[in-house]
């Protein structure tokens, strides 16, 4: 099943996607959502970031290909950081650098795990784990993971949540102005989603709606002002955002 969230006169609504239509629901994703009212054309709504998680967690060094290229060892436990939920924006929203920042800003196309009840996996979404690279490495005594990744608009997410995808065959592709820069298989993950949730959930009190971004692989590069970045994952769709600035 595929779910979308949108704003309707300031109110947040959600529904299931059925072909080119959306069936609105009441309740929530995780506890018996109930159909409510007539279906709407999918083109009549503007999807928003699908979640406002209590915990927004990201992984580093979770793909064999990138680990091999960078010469890193295979971790025994997921290497994770926290990203502020306030960084989340939805599809077609603008990625904006923090005031005064003129350094490199990276895109990182990633699969996002959506947590359900009892530390289960409810479904999957797309995350662009945007990173201010110069902030991350500004202090040699302390890599600033959370700060570099938590500025407002640095957590594009969406355009929907799907309850199941084929992890064995799905690929992540990231295009800048239509040119593909990342293209990697989810099957290359060191820790697959179920194992990620099991291990991190033993340390962090995960709640329904929390999101864990599974990390990225080869091809993460800086964006330039005005560029359109599109992250596509088979079975989910495309998350499209624009970098602020440019002509």
C-alpha atoms as a PDB file:
ATOM      1  CA  UNK A   1       0.000   0.000   0.000  1.00  0.00           C
ATOM      2  CA  UNK A   2       1.115   3.563  -0.712  1.00  0.00           C
ATOM      3  CA  UNK A   3       0.305   6.507   1.583  1.00  0.00           C
ATOM      4  CA  UNK A   4       0.578  10.260   1.002  1.00  0.00           C
ATOM      5  CA  UNK A   5       0.223  13.303   3.239  1.00  0.00           C
ATOM      6  CA  UNK A   6      -0.966  16.733   2.127  1.00  0.00           C
ATOM      7  CA  UNK A   7      -2.210  20.044   3.515  1.00  0.00           C
ATOM      8  CA  UNK A   8      -5.857  21.040   3.108  1.00  0.00           C
ATOM      9  CA  UNK A   9      -6.587  24.626   4.236  1.00  0.00           C
ATOM     10  CA  UNK A  10      -3.805  24.325   6.805  1.00  0.00           C
ATOM     11  CA  UNK A  11      -4.944  20.937   8.091  1.00  0.00           C
ATOM     12  CA  UNK A  12      -2.799  17.846   7.602  1.00  0.00           C
ATOM     13  CA  UNK A  13      -4.578  15.035   5.773  1.00  0.00           C
ATOM     14  CA  UNK A  14      -3.433  11.611   4.643  1.00  0.00           C
ATOM     15  CA  UNK A  15      -4.718   8.911   2.388  1.00  0.00           C
ATOM     16  CA  UNK A  16      -3.971   5.793   0.384  1.00  0.00           C
ATOM     17  CA  UNK A  17      -3.009   5.987  -3.273  1.00  0.00           C
ATOM     18  CA  UNK A  18      -5.096   3.821  -5.551  1.00  0.00           C
ATOM     19  CA  UNK A  19      -4.015   4.286  -9.173  1.00  0.00           C
ATOM     20  CA  UNK A  20      -4.405   7.973  -9.979  1.00  0.00           C
ATOM     21  CA  UNK A  21      -6.724   8.599  -7.022  1.00  0.00           C
ATOM     22  CA  UNK A  22      -6.203   9.228  -3.305  1.00  0.00           C
ATOM     23  CA  UNK A  23      -8.619   7.872  -0.716  1.00  0.00           C
ATOM     24  CA  UNK A  24      -8.567  10.176   2.353  1.00  0.00           C
ATOM     25  CA  UNK A  25      -8.446   8.522   5.784  1.00  0.00           C
ATOM     26  CA  UNK A  26      -8.888   9.556   9.386  1.00  0.00           C
ATOM     27  CA  UNK A  27      -6.938   8.272  12.384  1.00  0.00           C
ATOM     28  CA  UNK A  28      -3.268   7.608  11.676  1.00  0.00           C
ATOM     29  CA  UNK A  29      -1.093   5.315   9.610  1.00  0.00           C
ATOM     30  CA  UNK A  30      -0.300   3.002  12.488  1.00  0.00           C
ATOM     31  CA  UNK A  31      -3.584   2.423  14.307  1.00  0.00           C
ATOM     32  CA  UNK A  32      -6.560   1.443  12.166  1.00  0.00           C
ATOM     33  CA  UNK A  33      -6.886   4.277   9.623  1.00  0.00           C
ATOM     34  CA  UNK A  34     -10.455   4.642   8.380  1.00  0.00           C
ATOM     35  CA  UNK A  35     -11.534   5.768   4.877  1.00  0.00           C
ATOM     36  CA  UNK A  36     -13.177   9.193   5.037  1.00  0.00           C
ATOM     37  CA  UNK A  37     -15.050  10.830   2.195  1.00  0.00           C
ATOM     38  CA  UNK A  38     -14.759  10.558  -1.575  1.00  0.00           C
ATOM     39  CA  UNK A  39     -11.484   9.840  -3.364  1.00  0.00           C
ATOM     40  CA  UNK A  40      -9.529  12.741  -4.858  1.00  0.00           C
ATOM     41  CA  UNK A  41      -7.451  12.921  -8.035  1.00  0.00           C
ATOM     42  CA  UNK A  42      -3.770  12.462  -7.150  1.00  0.00           C
ATOM     43  CA  UNK A  43      -2.951  15.521  -9.225  1.00  0.00           C
ATOM     44  CA  UNK A  44      -5.258  17.683  -7.077  1.00  0.00           C
ATOM     45  CA  UNK A  45      -3.078  17.439  -3.969  1.00  0.00           C
ATOM     46  CA  UNK A  46       0.446  18.658  -3.210  1.00  0.00           C
ATOM     47  CA  UNK A  47       2.252  15.987  -1.180  1.00  0.00           C
ATOM     48  CA  UNK A  48       3.996  17.191   1.972  1.00  0.00           C
ATOM     49  CA  UNK A  49       6.837  15.591   3.919  1.00  0.00           C
ATOM     50  CA  UNK A  50       5.038  12.439   5.066  1.00  0.00           C
ATOM     51  CA  UNK A  51       6.233  12.392   8.681  1.00  0.00           C
ATOM     52  CA  UNK A  52       7.309  14.449  11.674  1.00  0.00           C
ATOM     53  CA  UNK A  53       9.265  11.785  13.555  1.00  0.00           C
ATOM     54  CA  UNK A  54      10.326  11.990  17.157  1.00  0.00           C
ATOM     55  CA  UNK A  55      13.623  10.376  16.120  1.00  0.00           C
ATOM     56  CA  UNK A  56      15.260  11.052  12.755  1.00  0.00           C
ATOM     57  CA  UNK A  57      18.337   8.815  12.519  1.00  0.00           C
ATOM     58  CA  UNK A  58      20.885   8.524   9.719  1.00  0.00           C
ATOM     59  CA  UNK A  59      23.502   5.874   8.973  1.00  0.00           C
ATOM     60  CA  UNK A  60      27.051   6.270   7.728  1.00  0.00           C
ATOM     61  CA  UNK A  61      29.221   3.626   6.059  1.00  0.00           C
ATOM     62  CA  UNK A  62      26.415   1.178   5.301  1.00  0.00           C
ATOM     63  CA  UNK A  63      27.190   0.161   1.699  1.00  0.00           C
ATOM     64  CA  UNK A  64      29.918  -2.237   0.668  1.00  0.00           C
ATOM     65  CA  UNK A  65      30.864  -0.343  -2.523  1.00  0.00           C
ATOM     66  CA  UNK A  66      31.467   2.964  -0.747  1.00  0.00           C
ATOM     67  CA  UNK A  67      33.234   1.269   2.152  1.00  0.00           C
ATOM     68  CA  UNK A  68      35.616  -0.428  -0.268  1.00  0.00           C
ATOM     69  CA  UNK A  69      36.332   2.776  -2.199  1.00  0.00           C
ATOM     70  CA  UNK A  70      37.020   4.805   0.950  1.00  0.00           C
ATOM     71  CA  UNK A  71      39.058   2.048   2.583  1.00  0.00           C
ATOM     72  CA  UNK A  72      36.822   1.858   5.641  1.00  0.00           C
ATOM     73  CA  UNK A  73      36.337  -1.311   7.623  1.00  0.00           C
ATOM     74  CA  UNK A  74      33.027  -3.152   7.825  1.00  0.00           C
ATOM     75  CA  UNK A  75      31.332  -1.904  11.005  1.00  0.00           C
ATOM     76  CA  UNK A  76      30.115  -4.390  13.602  1.00  0.00           C
ATOM     77  CA  UNK A  77      27.231  -2.094  14.574  1.00  0.00           C
ATOM     78  CA  UNK A  78      25.354   0.528  12.527  1.00  0.00           C
ATOM     79  CA  UNK A  79      27.228   3.846  12.652  1.00  0.00           C
ATOM     80  CA  UNK A  80      24.458   6.326  13.213  1.00  0.00           C
ATOM     81  CA  UNK A  81      23.871  10.001  13.961  1.00  0.00           C
ATOM     82  CA  UNK A  82      20.818  12.089  14.820  1.00  0.00           C
ATOM     83  CA  UNK A  83      19.282  14.542  12.378  1.00  0.00           C
ATOM     84  CA  UNK A  84      16.784  17.153  13.575  1.00  0.00           C
ATOM     85  CA  UNK A  85      13.141  16.463  12.623  1.00  0.00           C
ATOM     86  CA  UNK A  86      12.833  20.222  12.044  1.00  0.00           C
ATOM     87  CA  UNK A  87      15.019  19.785   8.953  1.00  0.00           C
ATOM     88  CA  UNK A  88      12.264  17.889   7.123  1.00  0.00           C
ATOM     89  CA  UNK A  89      10.685  19.378   4.013  1.00  0.00           C
ATOM     90  CA  UNK A  90       8.420  17.782   1.446  1.00  0.00           C
ATOM     91  CA  UNK A  91       8.525  17.249  -2.308  1.00  0.00           C
ATOM     92  CA  UNK A  92       9.161  20.319  -4.484  1.00  0.00           C
ATOM     93  CA  UNK A  93      10.224  22.406  -1.466  1.00  0.00           C
ATOM     94  CA  UNK A  94      13.452  24.421  -1.645  1.00  0.00           C
ATOM     95  CA  UNK A  95      16.736  23.383  -0.026  1.00  0.00           C
ATOM     96  CA  UNK A  96      18.160  26.545   1.532  1.00  0.00           C
ATOM     97  CA  UNK A  97      21.680  26.997   2.958  1.00  0.00           C
ATOM     98  CA  UNK A  98      21.932  28.456   6.465  1.00  0.00           C
ATOM     99  CA  UNK A  99      22.518  32.240   6.611  1.00  0.00           C
ATOM    100  CA  UNK A 100      26.054  33.203   5.681  1.00  0.00           C
ATOM    101  CA  UNK A 101      27.075  29.714   4.583  1.00  0.00           C
ATOM    102  CA  UNK A 102      28.846  29.562   1.219  1.00  0.00           C
ATOM    103  CA  UNK A 103      30.526  26.153   1.485  1.00  0.00           C
ATOM    104  CA  UNK A 104      29.745  22.832  -0.154  1.00  0.00           C
ATOM    105  CA  UNK A 105      26.283  21.286   0.238  1.00  0.00           C
ATOM    106  CA  UNK A 106      25.976  17.597  -0.627  1.00  0.00           C
ATOM    107  CA  UNK A 107      22.984  15.532  -1.672  1.00  0.00           C
ATOM    108  CA  UNK A 108      22.779  11.954  -0.412  1.00  0.00           C
ATOM    109  CA  UNK A 109      19.946   9.875  -1.852  1.00  0.00           C
ATOM    110  CA  UNK A 110      18.819   7.246   0.652  1.00  0.00           C
ATOM    111  CA  UNK A 111      16.113   4.736   1.541  1.00  0.00           C
ATOM    112  CA  UNK A 112      14.195   5.790   4.643  1.00  0.00           C
ATOM    113  CA  UNK A 113      12.748   3.208   7.030  1.00  0.00           C
ATOM    114  CA  UNK A 114       9.457   4.226   8.665  1.00  0.00           C
ATOM    115  CA  UNK A 115       8.988   2.672  12.083  1.00  0.00           C
ATOM    116  CA  UNK A 116       5.649   1.122  13.012  1.00  0.00           C
ATOM    117  CA  UNK A 117       4.390  -0.279  16.288  1.00  0.00           C
ATOM    118  CA  UNK A 118       6.590  -2.454  18.501  1.00  0.00           C
ATOM    119  CA  UNK A 119       9.796  -1.610  16.626  1.00  0.00           C
ATOM    120  CA  UNK A 120       8.413  -3.089  13.424  1.00  0.00           C
ATOM    121  CA  UNK A 121       8.915  -1.659   9.946  1.00  0.00           C
ATOM    122  CA  UNK A 122       5.744   0.075   8.788  1.00  0.00           C
ATOM    123  CA  UNK A 123       7.128   1.005   5.387  1.00  0.00           C
ATOM    124  CA  UNK A 124       9.672   2.952   3.387  1.00  0.00           C
ATOM    125  CA  UNK A 125      10.121   6.450   1.998  1.00  0.00           C
ATOM    126  CA  UNK A 126      12.831   8.484   0.256  1.00  0.00           C
ATOM    127  CA  UNK A 127      15.266  10.724   2.118  1.00  0.00           C
ATOM    128  CA  UNK A 128      17.770  13.227   0.749  1.00  0.00           C
ATOM    129  CA  UNK A 129      20.265  13.501   3.613  1.00  0.00           C
ATOM    130  CA  UNK A 130      21.545  16.982   2.743  1.00  0.00           C
ATOM    131  CA  UNK A 131      24.880  17.845   4.368  1.00  0.00           C
ATOM    132  CA  UNK A 132      26.856  21.088   4.844  1.00  0.00           C
ATOM    133  CA  UNK A 133      30.262  19.528   4.290  1.00  0.00           C
ATOM    134  CA  UNK A 134      32.319  22.513   5.469  1.00  0.00           C
ATOM    135  CA  UNK A 135      30.428  22.548   8.775  1.00  0.00           C
ATOM    136  CA  UNK A 136      30.939  18.816   9.275  1.00  0.00           C
ATOM    137  CA  UNK A 137      34.715  19.202   9.116  1.00  0.00           C
ATOM    138  CA  UNK A 138      35.099  22.739  10.488  1.00  0.00           C
ATOM    139  CA  UNK A 139      36.539  21.678  13.856  1.00  0.00           C
ATOM    140  CA  UNK A 140      39.212  18.962  13.586  1.00  0.00           C
ATOM    141  CA  UNK A 141      38.593  17.947  17.191  1.00  0.00           C
ATOM    142  CA  UNK A 142      34.865  17.226  16.737  1.00  0.00           C
ATOM    143  CA  UNK A 143      33.080  16.100  13.553  1.00  0.00           C
ATOM    144  CA  UNK A 144      29.747  17.980  13.660  1.00  0.00           C
ATOM    145  CA  UNK A 145      27.415  15.369  12.206  1.00  0.00           C
ATOM    146  CA  UNK A 146      24.156  16.600  13.733  1.00  0.00           C
ATOM    147  CA  UNK A 147      24.805  20.282  13.027  1.00  0.00           C
ATOM    148  CA  UNK A 148      25.945  19.730   9.438  1.00  0.00           C
ATOM    149  CA  UNK A 149      22.820  17.713   8.652  1.00  0.00           C
ATOM    150  CA  UNK A 150      20.110  19.482  10.681  1.00  0.00           C
ATOM    151  CA  UNK A 151      19.715  22.934   9.168  1.00  0.00           C
ATOM    152  CA  UNK A 152      16.190  23.829   8.134  1.00  0.00           C
ATOM    153  CA  UNK A 153      15.324  22.180   4.771  1.00  0.00           C
ATOM    154  CA  UNK A 154      18.236  19.691   4.987  1.00  0.00           C
ATOM    155  CA  UNK A 155      15.869  16.710   5.344  1.00  0.00           C
ATOM    156  CA  UNK A 156      13.793  16.387   2.159  1.00  0.00           C
ATOM    157  CA  UNK A 157      11.470  13.407   2.512  1.00  0.00           C
ATOM    158  CA  UNK A 158       8.682  11.821   0.478  1.00  0.00           C
ATOM    159  CA  UNK A 159       6.798  11.803  -1.781  1.00  0.00           C
ATOM    160  CA  UNK A 160       4.980   8.927  -0.052  1.00  0.00           C
ATOM    161  CA  UNK A 161       5.310   5.909   2.218  1.00  0.00           C
ATOM    162  CA  UNK A 162       5.035   2.427   0.741  1.00  0.00           C
ATOM    163  CA  UNK A 163       4.524  -0.572   2.972  1.00  0.00           C
ATOM    164  CA  UNK A 164       6.729  -2.912   0.949  1.00  0.00           C
ATOM    165  CA  UNK A 165       9.419  -2.797  -1.742  1.00  0.00           C
ATOM    166  CA  UNK A 166      11.705  -5.398  -3.300  1.00  0.00           C
ATOM    167  CA  UNK A 167      14.961  -4.763  -1.456  1.00  0.00           C
ATOM    168  CA  UNK A 168      16.715  -7.394  -3.586  1.00  0.00           C
ATOM    169  CA  UNK A 169      16.182  -5.541  -6.862  1.00  0.00           C
ATOM    170  CA  UNK A 170      15.405  -1.882  -6.058  1.00  0.00           C
ATOM    171  CA  UNK A 171      17.949   0.807  -6.888  1.00  0.00           C
ATOM    172  CA  UNK A 172      18.506   4.367  -5.689  1.00  0.00           C
ATOM    173  CA  UNK A 173      19.138   6.955  -8.409  1.00  0.00           C
ATOM    174  CA  UNK A 174      19.936  10.631  -7.909  1.00  0.00           C
ATOM    175  CA  UNK A 175      19.836  13.065 -10.823  1.00  0.00           C
ATOM    176  CA  UNK A 176      21.044  16.664 -10.865  1.00  0.00           C
ATOM    177  CA  UNK A 177      19.279  18.688 -13.557  1.00  0.00           C
ATOM    178  CA  UNK A 178      18.398  15.386 -15.190  1.00  0.00           C
ATOM    179  CA  UNK A 179      21.915  13.909 -15.153  1.00  0.00           C
ATOM    180  CA  UNK A 180      22.204  10.735 -13.057  1.00  0.00           C
ATOM    181  CA  UNK A 181      24.956  11.024 -10.452  1.00  0.00           C
ATOM    182  CA  UNK A 182      24.087   8.183  -8.083  1.00  0.00           C
ATOM    183  CA  UNK A 183      22.818   4.767  -9.108  1.00  0.00           C
ATOM    184  CA  UNK A 184      23.268   1.960  -6.602  1.00  0.00           C
ATOM    185  CA  UNK A 185      21.454  -1.199  -5.445  1.00  0.00           C
ATOM    186  CA  UNK A 186      19.827  -1.462  -2.041  1.00  0.00           C
ATOM    187  CA  UNK A 187      21.012  -5.080  -1.957  1.00  0.00           C
ATOM    188  CA  UNK A 188      24.544  -3.727  -1.318  1.00  0.00           C
ATOM    189  CA  UNK A 189      23.645  -2.611   2.229  1.00  0.00           C
ATOM    190  CA  UNK A 190      25.907  -3.875   5.009  1.00  0.00           C
ATOM    191  CA  UNK A 191      23.021  -3.787   7.499  1.00  0.00           C
ATOM    192  CA  UNK A 192      19.633  -4.395   5.823  1.00  0.00           C
ATOM    193  CA  UNK A 193      16.542  -2.609   7.187  1.00  0.00           C
ATOM    194  CA  UNK A 194      15.329  -5.352   9.550  1.00  0.00           C
ATOM    195  CA  UNK A 195      18.768  -5.645  11.133  1.00  0.00           C
ATOM    196  CA  UNK A 196      19.107  -1.855  11.401  1.00  0.00           C
ATOM    197  CA  UNK A 197      15.828  -1.591  13.299  1.00  0.00           C
ATOM    198  CA  UNK A 198      16.671  -4.531  15.531  1.00  0.00           C
ATOM    199  CA  UNK A 199      20.095  -3.196  16.530  1.00  0.00           C
ATOM    200  CA  UNK A 200      19.335   0.512  16.851  1.00  0.00           C
ATOM    201  CA  UNK A 201      15.991  -0.239  18.507  1.00  0.00           C
ATOM    202  CA  UNK A 202      17.861  -2.027  21.282  1.00  0.00           C
ATOM    203  CA  UNK A 203      19.528   1.287  22.170  1.00  0.00           C
ATOM    204  CA  UNK A 204      17.029   3.959  21.144  1.00  0.00           C
ATOM    205  CA  UNK A 205      13.349   4.003  22.128  1.00  0.00           C
ATOM    206  CA  UNK A 206      11.851   4.046  18.652  1.00  0.00           C
ATOM    207  CA  UNK A 207       8.252   5.170  18.188  1.00  0.00           C
ATOM    208  CA  UNK A 208       5.755   4.828  15.334  1.00  0.00           C
ATOM    209  CA  UNK A 209       6.609   7.376  12.673  1.00  0.00           C
ATOM    210  CA  UNK A 210      10.320   7.556  13.466  1.00  0.00           C
ATOM    211  CA  UNK A 211      12.596   7.479  10.435  1.00  0.00           C
ATOM    212  CA  UNK A 212      15.980   5.827   9.897  1.00  0.00           C
ATOM    213  CA  UNK A 213      17.838   6.787   6.718  1.00  0.00           C
ATOM    214  CA  UNK A 214      19.835   3.763   5.572  1.00  0.00           C
ATOM    215  CA  UNK A 215      22.934   5.638   4.378  1.00  0.00           C
ATOM    216  CA  UNK A 216      24.179   6.328   0.879  1.00  0.00           C
ATOM    217  CA  UNK A 217      26.656   4.852  -1.572  1.00  0.00           C
ATOM    218  CA  UNK A 218      28.924   6.080  -4.364  1.00  0.00           C
ATOM    219  CA  UNK A 219      28.308   9.365  -6.145  1.00  0.00           C
ATOM    220  CA  UNK A 220      27.310  11.844  -3.403  1.00  0.00           C
ATOM    221  CA  UNK A 221      28.530  15.233  -4.664  1.00  0.00           C
ATOM    222  CA  UNK A 222      27.928  18.952  -4.028  1.00  0.00           C
ATOM    223  CA  UNK A 223      24.917  20.743  -5.452  1.00  0.00           C
ATOM    224  CA  UNK A 224      25.081  24.186  -7.040  1.00  0.00           C
ATOM    225  CA  UNK A 225      22.490  26.942  -6.547  1.00  0.00           C
ATOM    226  CA  UNK A 226      19.470  26.518  -8.787  1.00  0.00           C
ATOM    227  CA  UNK A 227      19.984  22.810  -9.365  1.00  0.00           C
ATOM    228  CA  UNK A 228      17.057  20.392  -9.282  1.00  0.00           C
ATOM    229  CA  UNK A 229      17.870  17.201  -7.381  1.00  0.00           C
ATOM    230  CA  UNK A 230      15.687  14.138  -7.942  1.00  0.00           C
ATOM    231  CA  UNK A 231      16.004  11.000  -5.816  1.00  0.00           C
ATOM    232  CA  UNK A 232      14.228   7.972  -7.271  1.00  0.00           C
ATOM    233  CA  UNK A 233      13.797   4.562  -5.641  1.00  0.00           C
ATOM    234  CA  UNK A 234      12.131   1.692  -7.473  1.00  0.00           C
ATOM    235  CA  UNK A 235       8.735   0.971  -5.975  1.00  0.00           C
ATOM    236  CA  UNK A 236       8.452   4.317  -4.163  1.00  0.00           C
ATOM    237  CA  UNK A 237       8.747   7.122  -6.708  1.00  0.00           C
ATOM    238  CA  UNK A 238      10.746  10.335  -7.043  1.00  0.00           C
ATOM    239  CA  UNK A 239      11.534  13.013  -4.461  1.00  0.00           C
ATOM    240  CA  UNK A 240      12.244  16.298  -6.238  1.00  0.00           C
ATOM    241  CA  UNK A 241      13.664  19.451  -4.655  1.00  0.00           C
ATOM    242  CA  UNK A 242      15.512  22.554  -5.838  1.00  0.00           C
ATOM    243  CA  UNK A 243      18.636  24.128  -4.373  1.00  0.00           C
ATOM    244  CA  UNK A 244      18.052  27.815  -3.577  1.00  0.00           C
ATOM    245  CA  UNK A 245      19.796  30.464  -5.660  1.00  0.00           C
ATOM    246  CA  UNK A 246      20.922  30.556  -9.249  1.00  0.00           C
ATOM    247  CA  UNK A 247      19.669  32.630 -12.138  1.00  0.00           C
END
